[in-house]
C-alpha atoms as a PDB file:
ATOM      1  CA  MET A   1       0.000   0.000   0.000  1.00  0.00           C
ATOM      2  CA  LYS A   2       1.321   3.420  -0.865  1.00  0.00           C
ATOM      3  CA  LYS A   3       0.027   6.941  -1.027  1.00  0.00           C
ATOM      4  CA  ILE A   4       0.441   8.499  -4.438  1.00  0.00           C
ATOM      5  CA  LYS A   5       2.352  11.720  -4.910  1.00  0.00           C
ATOM      6  CA  ASP A   6       0.995  15.279  -5.129  1.00  0.00           C
ATOM      7  CA  ASN A   7      -0.687  14.990  -1.714  1.00  0.00           C
ATOM      8  CA  THR A   8      -3.897  13.367  -2.895  1.00  0.00           C
ATOM      9  CA  SER A   9      -5.818  11.148  -0.573  1.00  0.00           C
ATOM     10  CA  ILE A  10      -6.003   8.071  -2.801  1.00  0.00           C
ATOM     11  CA  ILE A  11      -4.454   4.915  -1.406  1.00  0.00           C
ATOM     12  CA  ASN A  12      -3.401   2.430  -4.091  1.00  0.00           C
ATOM     13  CA  TYR A  13      -3.308  -1.315  -3.665  1.00  0.00           C
ATOM     14  CA  ASN A  14      -2.688  -3.877  -6.443  1.00  0.00           C
ATOM     15  CA  PHE A  15      -5.901  -3.052  -8.286  1.00  0.00           C
ATOM     16  CA  HIS A  16      -8.026  -1.339  -5.636  1.00  0.00           C
ATOM     17  CA  HIS A  17      -7.859   2.416  -5.154  1.00  0.00           C
ATOM     18  CA  ILE A  18      -9.580   4.141  -2.243  1.00  0.00           C
ATOM     19  CA  ASP A  19     -10.082   7.867  -1.806  1.00  0.00           C
ATOM     20  CA  ILE A  20      -9.838   8.074   1.977  1.00  0.00           C
ATOM     21  CA  SER A  21     -10.977  11.699   2.039  1.00  0.00           C
ATOM     22  CA  LYS A  22     -14.406  10.452   0.978  1.00  0.00           C
ATOM     23  CA  CYS A  23     -14.332   7.746   3.664  1.00  0.00           C
ATOM     24  CA  ARG A  24     -14.099  10.366   6.407  1.00  0.00           C
ATOM     25  CA  CYS A  25     -17.764  11.344   6.113  1.00  0.00           C
ATOM     26  CA  CYS A  26     -19.114   7.800   5.653  1.00  0.00           C
ATOM     27  CA  LYS A  27     -21.595   6.448   8.187  1.00  0.00           C
ATOM     28  CA  GLU A  28     -22.833   3.343   6.336  1.00  0.00           C
ATOM     29  CA  PHE A  29     -19.683   1.229   5.803  1.00  0.00           C
ATOM     30  CA  SER A  30     -21.413  -0.564   2.945  1.00  0.00           C
ATOM     31  CA  CYS A  31     -18.132  -1.594   1.276  1.00  0.00           C
ATOM     32  CA  GLU A  32     -17.298  -3.810   4.232  1.00  0.00           C
ATOM     33  CA  GLU A  33     -20.805  -5.242   4.464  1.00  0.00           C
ATOM     34  CA  VAL A  34     -21.418  -5.980   0.782  1.00  0.00           C
ATOM     35  CA  CYS A  35     -18.076  -7.657  -0.041  1.00  0.00           C
ATOM     36  CA  PHE A  36     -18.709 -11.394   0.167  1.00  0.00           C
ATOM     37  CA  ARG A  37     -14.956 -12.066  -0.150  1.00  0.00           C
ATOM     38  CA  GLY A  38     -14.028 -10.033   2.941  1.00  0.00           C
ATOM     39  CA  VAL A  39     -11.620  -7.775   1.076  1.00  0.00           C
ATOM     40  CA  TYR A  40     -12.455  -4.544   2.934  1.00  0.00           C
ATOM     41  CA  ASN A  41     -12.229  -3.454   6.532  1.00  0.00           C
ATOM     42  CA  VAL A  42     -13.302  -0.076   7.856  1.00  0.00           C
ATOM     43  CA  ILE A  43     -11.117   1.079  10.725  1.00  0.00           C
ATOM     44  CA  ASN A  44     -11.832   3.883  13.201  1.00  0.00           C
ATOM     45  CA  LYS A  45     -15.577   3.770  12.488  1.00  0.00           C
ATOM     46  CA  GLU A  46     -16.533   5.953  15.439  1.00  0.00           C
ATOM     47  CA  ILE A  47     -13.971   8.722  15.025  1.00  0.00           C
ATOM     48  CA  PHE A  48     -12.260   8.818  11.636  1.00  0.00           C
ATOM     49  CA  PRO A  49     -13.565   6.111   9.246  1.00  0.00           C
ATOM     50  CA  ASN A  50     -11.013   4.746   6.838  1.00  0.00           C
ATOM     51  CA  CYS A  51     -11.619   1.897   4.400  1.00  0.00           C
ATOM     52  CA  VAL A  52      -8.642  -0.382   3.902  1.00  0.00           C
ATOM     53  CA  VAL A  53      -8.025  -3.475   1.809  1.00  0.00           C
ATOM     54  CA  ILE A  54      -6.962  -6.545   3.723  1.00  0.00           C
ATOM     55  CA  LEU A  55      -3.796  -7.347   1.815  1.00  0.00           C
ATOM     56  CA  GLU A  56      -4.030 -11.120   2.320  1.00  0.00           C
ATOM     57  CA  ARG A  57      -7.538 -11.095   0.814  1.00  0.00           C
ATOM     58  CA  GLU A  58      -7.093  -8.734  -2.137  1.00  0.00           C
ATOM     59  CA  ASP A  59      -6.349 -11.593  -4.513  1.00  0.00           C
ATOM     60  CA  PHE A  60      -9.719 -13.146  -3.570  1.00  0.00           C
ATOM     61  CA  CYS A  61     -11.512 -10.242  -5.275  1.00  0.00           C
ATOM     62  CA  VAL A  62     -13.454 -11.316  -8.370  1.00  0.00           C
ATOM     63  CA  LYS A  63     -14.008  -7.680  -9.458  1.00  0.00           C
ATOM     64  CA  CYS A  64     -17.780  -7.966  -9.158  1.00  0.00           C
ATOM     65  CA  HIS A  65     -17.982  -4.212  -8.388  1.00  0.00           C
ATOM     66  CA  LEU A  66     -20.558  -4.657  -5.634  1.00  0.00           C
ATOM     67  CA  CYS A  67     -18.337  -2.497  -3.439  1.00  0.00           C
ATOM     68  CA  THR A  68     -18.080   0.322  -5.959  1.00  0.00           C
ATOM     69  CA  THR A  69     -21.839   0.462  -6.437  1.00  0.00           C
ATOM     70  CA  ALA A  70     -22.601   0.125  -2.719  1.00  0.00           C
ATOM     71  CA  CYS A  71     -20.258   2.955  -1.744  1.00  0.00           C
ATOM     72  CA  LYS A  72     -22.469   6.041  -1.675  1.00  0.00           C
ATOM     73  CA  LYS A  73     -19.409   8.325  -1.600  1.00  0.00           C
ATOM     74  CA  LYS A  74     -17.841   6.686  -4.694  1.00  0.00           C
ATOM     75  CA  ALA A  75     -14.557   6.305  -2.849  1.00  0.00           C
ATOM     76  CA  ILE A  76     -13.572   2.899  -4.308  1.00  0.00           C
ATOM     77  CA  PHE A  77     -12.122   2.329  -7.771  1.00  0.00           C
ATOM     78  CA  ILE A  78     -11.077  -1.021  -9.221  1.00  0.00           C
ATOM     79  CA  ASP A  79      -8.829  -1.572 -12.260  1.00  0.00           C
END
């Protein structure tokens, strides 16, 4: 996981990209709930929500895009 240059708030994984600035105002955590492969985990739900990809599970993703459609903030992108 690495943060891309020019001070943006997008965290890049192998083929998942999450705009964590959009996660900050999320109250639903639908990405974590809808993913049947358990790829996502939302940390700091009460204070400062941040969606992260569980690195050991990223390869289990079948790119069904349920997470991208469930995310009301459109914070998740998949290659």
